[in-house]
Amino acid sequence: MTNPFLDDRPRPKPPAHEVGQDLSTLSLAEIDERVELLEAEIRRLKEARARKDASRSAADAVFKL
């Protein structure tokens, strides 16, 4: 039998925000932080999409020759 007190593995951090999460307990500052976090993630997703679109367009141009 293993001893649960000997488990020194680090526990995973909970996500900074979970979609659909109850927001009623958050302060205005916490809500603002989450908005900034989500806006940054939206920018990151749009940049990734733009890179993939450019790559696909380049591939289409090569194979249409």
PDB file of N, CA and C in Angstrom:
ATOM      1  N   MET A   1       0.845  -1.184   0.000  1.00  0.00           N
ATOM      2  CA  MET A   1       0.000   0.000   0.000  1.00  0.00           C
ATOM      3  C   MET A   1       0.885   1.240   0.000  1.00  0.00           C
ATOM      4  N   THR A   2       0.567   2.213  -0.838  1.00  0.00           N
ATOM      5  CA  THR A   2       1.372   3.429  -0.907  1.00  0.00           C
ATOM      6  C   THR A   2       0.883   4.444   0.104  1.00  0.00           C
ATOM      7  N   ASN A   3       1.822   5.240   0.552  1.00  0.00           N
ATOM      8  CA  ASN A   3       1.507   6.280   1.523  1.00  0.00           C
ATOM      9  C   ASN A   3       1.214   7.580   0.775  1.00  0.00           C
ATOM     10  N   PRO A   4       0.000   8.132   0.871  1.00  0.00           N
ATOM     11  CA  PRO A   4      -0.319   9.358   0.128  1.00  0.00           C
ATOM     12  C   PRO A   4       0.498  10.563   0.595  1.00  0.00           C
ATOM     13  N   PHE A   5       1.051  10.499   1.791  1.00  0.00           N
ATOM     14  CA  PHE A   5       1.846  11.617   2.299  1.00  0.00           C
ATOM     15  C   PHE A   5       3.252  11.637   1.715  1.00  0.00           C
ATOM     16  N   LEU A   6       3.652  10.552   1.077  1.00  0.00           N
ATOM     17  CA  LEU A   6       4.981  10.478   0.482  1.00  0.00           C
ATOM     18  C   LEU A   6       4.977  10.902  -0.981  1.00  0.00           C
ATOM     19  N   ASP A   7       3.837  11.227  -1.503  1.00  0.00           N
ATOM     20  CA  ASP A   7       3.736  11.647  -2.900  1.00  0.00           C
ATOM     21  C   ASP A   7       4.148  13.114  -3.013  1.00  0.00           C
ATOM     22  N   ASP A   8       5.387  13.336  -3.445  1.00  0.00           N
ATOM     23  CA  ASP A   8       5.920  14.694  -3.548  1.00  0.00           C
ATOM     24  C   ASP A   8       5.819  15.265  -4.955  1.00  0.00           C
ATOM     25  N   ARG A   9       5.147  14.554  -5.827  1.00  0.00           N
ATOM     26  CA  ARG A   9       5.018  15.071  -7.188  1.00  0.00           C
ATOM     27  C   ARG A   9       4.249  16.382  -7.172  1.00  0.00           C
ATOM     28  N   PRO A  10       4.690  17.356  -7.978  1.00  0.00           N
ATOM     29  CA  PRO A  10       3.951  18.627  -8.013  1.00  0.00           C
ATOM     30  C   PRO A  10       2.571  18.428  -8.620  1.00  0.00           C
ATOM     31  N   ARG A  11       1.627  19.097  -8.069  1.00  0.00           N
ATOM     32  CA  ARG A  11       0.258  19.021  -8.574  1.00  0.00           C
ATOM     33  C   ARG A  11       0.118  20.007  -9.736  1.00  0.00           C
ATOM     34  N   PRO A  12      -0.611  19.609 -10.767  1.00  0.00           N
ATOM     35  CA  PRO A  12      -0.795  20.542 -11.889  1.00  0.00           C
ATOM     36  C   PRO A  12      -1.573  21.780 -11.447  1.00  0.00           C
ATOM     37  N   LYS A  13      -1.161  22.922 -12.011  1.00  0.00           N
ATOM     38  CA  LYS A  13      -1.874  24.164 -11.714  1.00  0.00           C
ATOM     39  C   LYS A  13      -3.222  24.149 -12.406  1.00  0.00           C
ATOM     40  N   PRO A  14      -4.247  24.634 -11.735  1.00  0.00           N
ATOM     41  CA  PRO A  14      -5.537  24.733 -12.423  1.00  0.00           C
ATOM     42  C   PRO A  14      -5.432  25.788 -13.530  1.00  0.00           C
ATOM     43  N   PRO A  15      -6.221  25.662 -14.572  1.00  0.00           N
ATOM     44  CA  PRO A  15      -6.161  26.655 -15.648  1.00  0.00           C
ATOM     45  C   PRO A  15      -6.518  28.047 -15.118  1.00  0.00           C
ATOM     46  N   ALA A  16      -5.927  29.064 -15.736  1.00  0.00           N
ATOM     47  CA  ALA A  16      -6.200  30.444 -15.319  1.00  0.00           C
ATOM     48  C   ALA A  16      -7.666  30.793 -15.548  1.00  0.00           C
ATOM     49  N   HIS A  17      -8.248  30.190 -16.561  1.00  0.00           N
ATOM     50  CA  HIS A  17      -9.662  30.426 -16.831  1.00  0.00           C
ATOM     51  C   HIS A  17     -10.230  29.207 -17.512  1.00  0.00           C
ATOM     52  N   GLU A  18     -11.433  28.878 -17.157  1.00  0.00           N
ATOM     53  CA  GLU A  18     -12.118  27.763 -17.788  1.00  0.00           C
ATOM     54  C   GLU A  18     -13.402  28.298 -18.411  1.00  0.00           C
ATOM     55  N   VAL A  19     -13.622  28.001 -19.683  1.00  0.00           N
ATOM     56  CA  VAL A  19     -14.813  28.474 -20.373  1.00  0.00           C
ATOM     57  C   VAL A  19     -16.049  27.962 -19.646  1.00  0.00           C
ATOM     58  N   GLY A  20     -16.988  28.857 -19.386  1.00  0.00           N
ATOM     59  CA  GLY A  20     -18.221  28.504 -18.708  1.00  0.00           C
ATOM     60  C   GLY A  20     -18.130  28.566 -17.192  1.00  0.00           C
ATOM     61  N   GLN A  21     -16.975  28.928 -16.698  1.00  0.00           N
ATOM     62  CA  GLN A  21     -16.744  28.994 -15.256  1.00  0.00           C
ATOM     63  C   GLN A  21     -17.641  30.043 -14.602  1.00  0.00           C
ATOM     64  N   ASP A  22     -18.056  29.797 -13.364  1.00  0.00           N
ATOM     65  CA  ASP A  22     -18.850  30.756 -12.599  1.00  0.00           C
ATOM     66  C   ASP A  22     -17.992  31.991 -12.327  1.00  0.00           C
ATOM     67  N   LEU A  23     -18.466  33.142 -12.738  1.00  0.00           N
ATOM     68  CA  LEU A  23     -17.708  34.382 -12.592  1.00  0.00           C
ATOM     69  C   LEU A  23     -18.175  35.221 -11.410  1.00  0.00           C
ATOM     70  N   SER A  24     -19.201  34.779 -10.726  1.00  0.00           N
ATOM     71  CA  SER A  24     -19.806  35.592  -9.670  1.00  0.00           C
ATOM     72  C   SER A  24     -18.874  35.838  -8.487  1.00  0.00           C
ATOM     73  N   THR A  25     -17.888  34.992  -8.292  1.00  0.00           N
ATOM     74  CA  THR A  25     -16.995  35.160  -7.141  1.00  0.00           C
ATOM     75  C   THR A  25     -15.751  35.975  -7.468  1.00  0.00           C
ATOM     76  N   LEU A  26     -15.589  36.379  -8.733  1.00  0.00           N
ATOM     77  CA  LEU A  26     -14.397  37.113  -9.145  1.00  0.00           C
ATOM     78  C   LEU A  26     -14.547  38.606  -8.894  1.00  0.00           C
ATOM     79  N   SER A  27     -13.425  39.231  -8.553  1.00  0.00           N
ATOM     80  CA  SER A  27     -13.411  40.687  -8.409  1.00  0.00           C
ATOM     81  C   SER A  27     -13.307  41.322  -9.792  1.00  0.00           C
ATOM     82  N   LEU A  28     -13.497  42.623  -9.856  1.00  0.00           N
ATOM     83  CA  LEU A  28     -13.347  43.331 -11.133  1.00  0.00           C
ATOM     84  C   LEU A  28     -11.930  43.170 -11.675  1.00  0.00           C
ATOM     85  N   ALA A  29     -10.940  43.246 -10.793  1.00  0.00           N
ATOM     86  CA  ALA A  29      -9.544  43.091 -11.223  1.00  0.00           C
ATOM     87  C   ALA A  29      -9.303  41.698 -11.784  1.00  0.00           C
ATOM     88  N   GLU A  30      -9.872  40.680 -11.157  1.00  0.00           N
ATOM     89  CA  GLU A  30      -9.707  39.311 -11.656  1.00  0.00           C
ATOM     90  C   GLU A  30     -10.384  39.133 -13.008  1.00  0.00           C
ATOM     91  N   ILE A  31     -11.540  39.741 -13.169  1.00  0.00           N
ATOM     92  CA  ILE A  31     -12.227  39.677 -14.466  1.00  0.00           C
ATOM     93  C   ILE A  31     -11.391  40.377 -15.532  1.00  0.00           C
ATOM     94  N   ASP A  32     -10.835  41.552 -15.210  1.00  0.00           N
ATOM     95  CA  ASP A  32      -9.977  42.265 -16.160  1.00  0.00           C
ATOM     96  C   ASP A  32      -8.764  41.427 -16.551  1.00  0.00           C
ATOM     97  N   GLU A  33      -8.166  40.744 -15.584  1.00  0.00           N
ATOM     98  CA  GLU A  33      -7.010  39.882 -15.877  1.00  0.00           C
ATOM     99  C   GLU A  33      -7.394  38.766 -16.834  1.00  0.00           C
ATOM    100  N   ARG A  34      -8.559  38.197 -16.614  1.00  0.00           N
ATOM    101  CA  ARG A  34      -8.996  37.100 -17.484  1.00  0.00           C
ATOM    102  C   ARG A  34      -9.323  37.598 -18.883  1.00  0.00           C
ATOM    103  N   VAL A  35      -9.893  38.779 -18.979  1.00  0.00           N
ATOM    104  CA  VAL A  35     -10.175  39.365 -20.295  1.00  0.00           C
ATOM    105  C   VAL A  35      -8.860  39.551 -21.049  1.00  0.00           C
ATOM    106  N   GLU A  36      -7.843  40.093 -20.376  1.00  0.00           N
ATOM    107  CA  GLU A  36      -6.533  40.280 -21.009  1.00  0.00           C
ATOM    108  C   GLU A  36      -5.938  38.941 -21.441  1.00  0.00           C
ATOM    109  N   LEU A  37      -6.055  37.938 -20.578  1.00  0.00           N
ATOM    110  CA  LEU A  37      -5.544  36.611 -20.894  1.00  0.00           C
ATOM    111  C   LEU A  37      -6.231  36.045 -22.131  1.00  0.00           C
ATOM    112  N   LEU A  38      -7.545  36.164 -22.184  1.00  0.00           N
ATOM    113  CA  LEU A  38      -8.292  35.617 -23.315  1.00  0.00           C
ATOM    114  C   LEU A  38      -8.042  36.409 -24.593  1.00  0.00           C
ATOM    115  N   GLU A  39      -7.888  37.722 -24.488  1.00  0.00           N
ATOM    116  CA  GLU A  39      -7.566  38.526 -25.676  1.00  0.00           C
ATOM    117  C   GLU A  39      -6.197  38.144 -26.222  1.00  0.00           C
ATOM    118  N   ALA A  40      -5.235  37.898 -25.337  1.00  0.00           N
ATOM    119  CA  ALA A  40      -3.908  37.461 -25.776  1.00  0.00           C
ATOM    120  C   ALA A  40      -4.005  36.100 -26.470  1.00  0.00           C
ATOM    121  N   GLU A  41      -4.823  35.217 -25.941  1.00  0.00           N
ATOM    122  CA  GLU A  41      -4.991  33.901 -26.551  1.00  0.00           C
ATOM    123  C   GLU A  41      -5.673  34.017 -27.914  1.00  0.00           C
ATOM    124  N   ILE A  42      -6.626  34.917 -28.055  1.00  0.00           N
ATOM    125  CA  ILE A  42      -7.281  35.148 -29.350  1.00  0.00           C
ATOM    126  C   ILE A  42      -6.256  35.649 -30.365  1.00  0.00           C
ATOM    127  N   ARG A  43      -5.398  36.583 -29.952  1.00  0.00           N
ATOM    128  CA  ARG A  43      -4.341  37.074 -30.859  1.00  0.00           C
ATOM    129  C   ARG A  43      -3.433  35.927 -31.285  1.00  0.00           C
ATOM    130  N   ARG A  44      -3.057  35.073 -30.339  1.00  0.00           N
ATOM    131  CA  ARG A  44      -2.178  33.944 -30.637  1.00  0.00           C
ATOM    132  C   ARG A  44      -2.840  32.989 -31.629  1.00  0.00           C
ATOM    133  N   LEU A  45      -4.124  32.730 -31.445  1.00  0.00           N
ATOM    134  CA  LEU A  45      -4.851  31.852 -32.357  1.00  0.00           C
ATOM    135  C   LEU A  45      -4.951  32.460 -33.754  1.00  0.00           C
ATOM    136  N   LYS A  46      -5.223  33.763 -33.822  1.00  0.00           N
ATOM    137  CA  LYS A  46      -5.318  34.425 -35.124  1.00  0.00           C
ATOM    138  C   LYS A  46      -3.975  34.404 -35.850  1.00  0.00           C
ATOM    139  N   GLU A  47      -2.877  34.590 -35.109  1.00  0.00           N
ATOM    140  CA  GLU A  47      -1.551  34.531 -35.727  1.00  0.00           C
ATOM    141  C   GLU A  47      -1.254  33.124 -36.250  1.00  0.00           C
ATOM    142  N   ALA A  48      -1.607  32.106 -35.476  1.00  0.00           N
ATOM    143  CA  ALA A  48      -1.395  30.721 -35.912  1.00  0.00           C
ATOM    144  C   ALA A  48      -2.228  30.425 -37.152  1.00  0.00           C
ATOM    145  N   ARG A  49      -3.448  30.922 -37.170  1.00  0.00           N
ATOM    146  CA  ARG A  49      -4.317  30.713 -38.329  1.00  0.00           C
ATOM    147  C   ARG A  49      -3.743  31.386 -39.568  1.00  0.00           C
ATOM    148  N   ALA A  50      -3.237  32.611 -39.392  1.00  0.00           N
ATOM    149  CA  ALA A  50      -2.654  33.341 -40.520  1.00  0.00           C
ATOM    150  C   ALA A  50      -1.431  32.603 -41.076  1.00  0.00           C
ATOM    151  N   ARG A  51      -0.598  32.052 -40.182  1.00  0.00           N
ATOM    152  CA  ARG A  51       0.579  31.286 -40.639  1.00  0.00           C
ATOM    153  C   ARG A  51       0.148  30.048 -41.422  1.00  0.00           C
ATOM    154  N   LYS A  52      -0.846  29.349 -40.914  1.00  0.00           N
ATOM    155  CA  LYS A  52      -1.320  28.143 -41.608  1.00  0.00           C
ATOM    156  C   LYS A  52      -1.935  28.496 -42.960  1.00  0.00           C
ATOM    157  N   ASP A  53      -2.672  29.605 -43.001  1.00  0.00           N
ATOM    158  CA  ASP A  53      -3.295  30.029 -44.255  1.00  0.00           C
ATOM    159  C   ASP A  53      -2.223  30.393 -45.276  1.00  0.00           C
ATOM    160  N   ALA A  54      -1.176  31.099 -44.829  1.00  0.00           N
ATOM    161  CA  ALA A  54      -0.089  31.472 -45.737  1.00  0.00           C
ATOM    162  C   ALA A  54       0.633  30.229 -46.248  1.00  0.00           C
ATOM    163  N   SER A  55       0.847  29.270 -45.367  1.00  0.00           N
ATOM    164  CA  SER A  55       1.513  28.029 -45.763  1.00  0.00           C
ATOM    165  C   SER A  55       0.665  27.265 -46.773  1.00  0.00           C
ATOM    166  N   ARG A  56      -0.617  27.220 -46.534  1.00  0.00           N
ATOM    167  CA  ARG A  56      -1.519  26.523 -47.455  1.00  0.00           C
ATOM    168  C   ARG A  56      -1.557  27.232 -48.810  1.00  0.00           C
ATOM    169  N   SER A  57      -1.596  28.546 -48.795  1.00  0.00           N
ATOM    170  CA  SER A  57      -1.599  29.305 -50.053  1.00  0.00           C
ATOM    171  C   SER A  57      -0.317  29.064 -50.831  1.00  0.00           C
ATOM    172  N   ALA A  58       0.805  29.017 -50.122  1.00  0.00           N
ATOM    173  CA  ALA A  58       2.089  28.754 -50.797  1.00  0.00           C
ATOM    174  C   ALA A  58       2.083  27.356 -51.396  1.00  0.00           C
ATOM    175  N   ALA A  59       1.575  26.395 -50.678  1.00  0.00           N
ATOM    176  CA  ALA A  59       1.519  25.023 -51.189  1.00  0.00           C
ATOM    177  C   ALA A  59       0.578  24.942 -52.395  1.00  0.00           C
ATOM    178  N   ASP A  60      -0.550  25.620 -52.309  1.00  0.00           N
ATOM    179  CA  ASP A  60      -1.488  25.634 -53.458  1.00  0.00           C
ATOM    180  C   ASP A  60      -0.820  26.224 -54.687  1.00  0.00           C
ATOM    181  N   ALA A  61      -0.053  27.285 -54.506  1.00  0.00           N
ATOM    182  CA  ALA A  61       0.626  27.932 -55.632  1.00  0.00           C
ATOM    183  C   ALA A  61       1.645  27.000 -56.269  1.00  0.00           C
ATOM    184  N   VAL A  62       2.353  26.219 -55.466  1.00  0.00           N
ATOM    185  CA  VAL A  62       3.360  25.305 -55.989  1.00  0.00           C
ATOM    186  C   VAL A  62       2.687  24.184 -56.776  1.00  0.00           C
ATOM    187  N   PHE A  63       1.608  23.641 -56.264  1.00  0.00           N
ATOM    188  CA  PHE A  63       0.999  22.500 -56.932  1.00  0.00           C
ATOM    189  C   PHE A  63       0.107  22.882 -58.100  1.00  0.00           C
ATOM    190  N   LYS A  64      -0.182  24.159 -58.283  1.00  0.00           N
ATOM    191  CA  LYS A  64      -0.985  24.585 -59.425  1.00  0.00           C
ATOM    192  C   LYS A  64      -0.147  24.872 -60.646  1.00  0.00           C
ATOM    193  N   LEU A  65       1.162  24.729 -60.512  1.00  0.00           N
ATOM    194  CA  LEU A  65       2.065  24.986 -61.642  1.00  0.00           C
ATOM    195  C   LEU A  65       1.898  24.007 -62.737  1.00  0.00           C
TER     196      LEU A  65
END
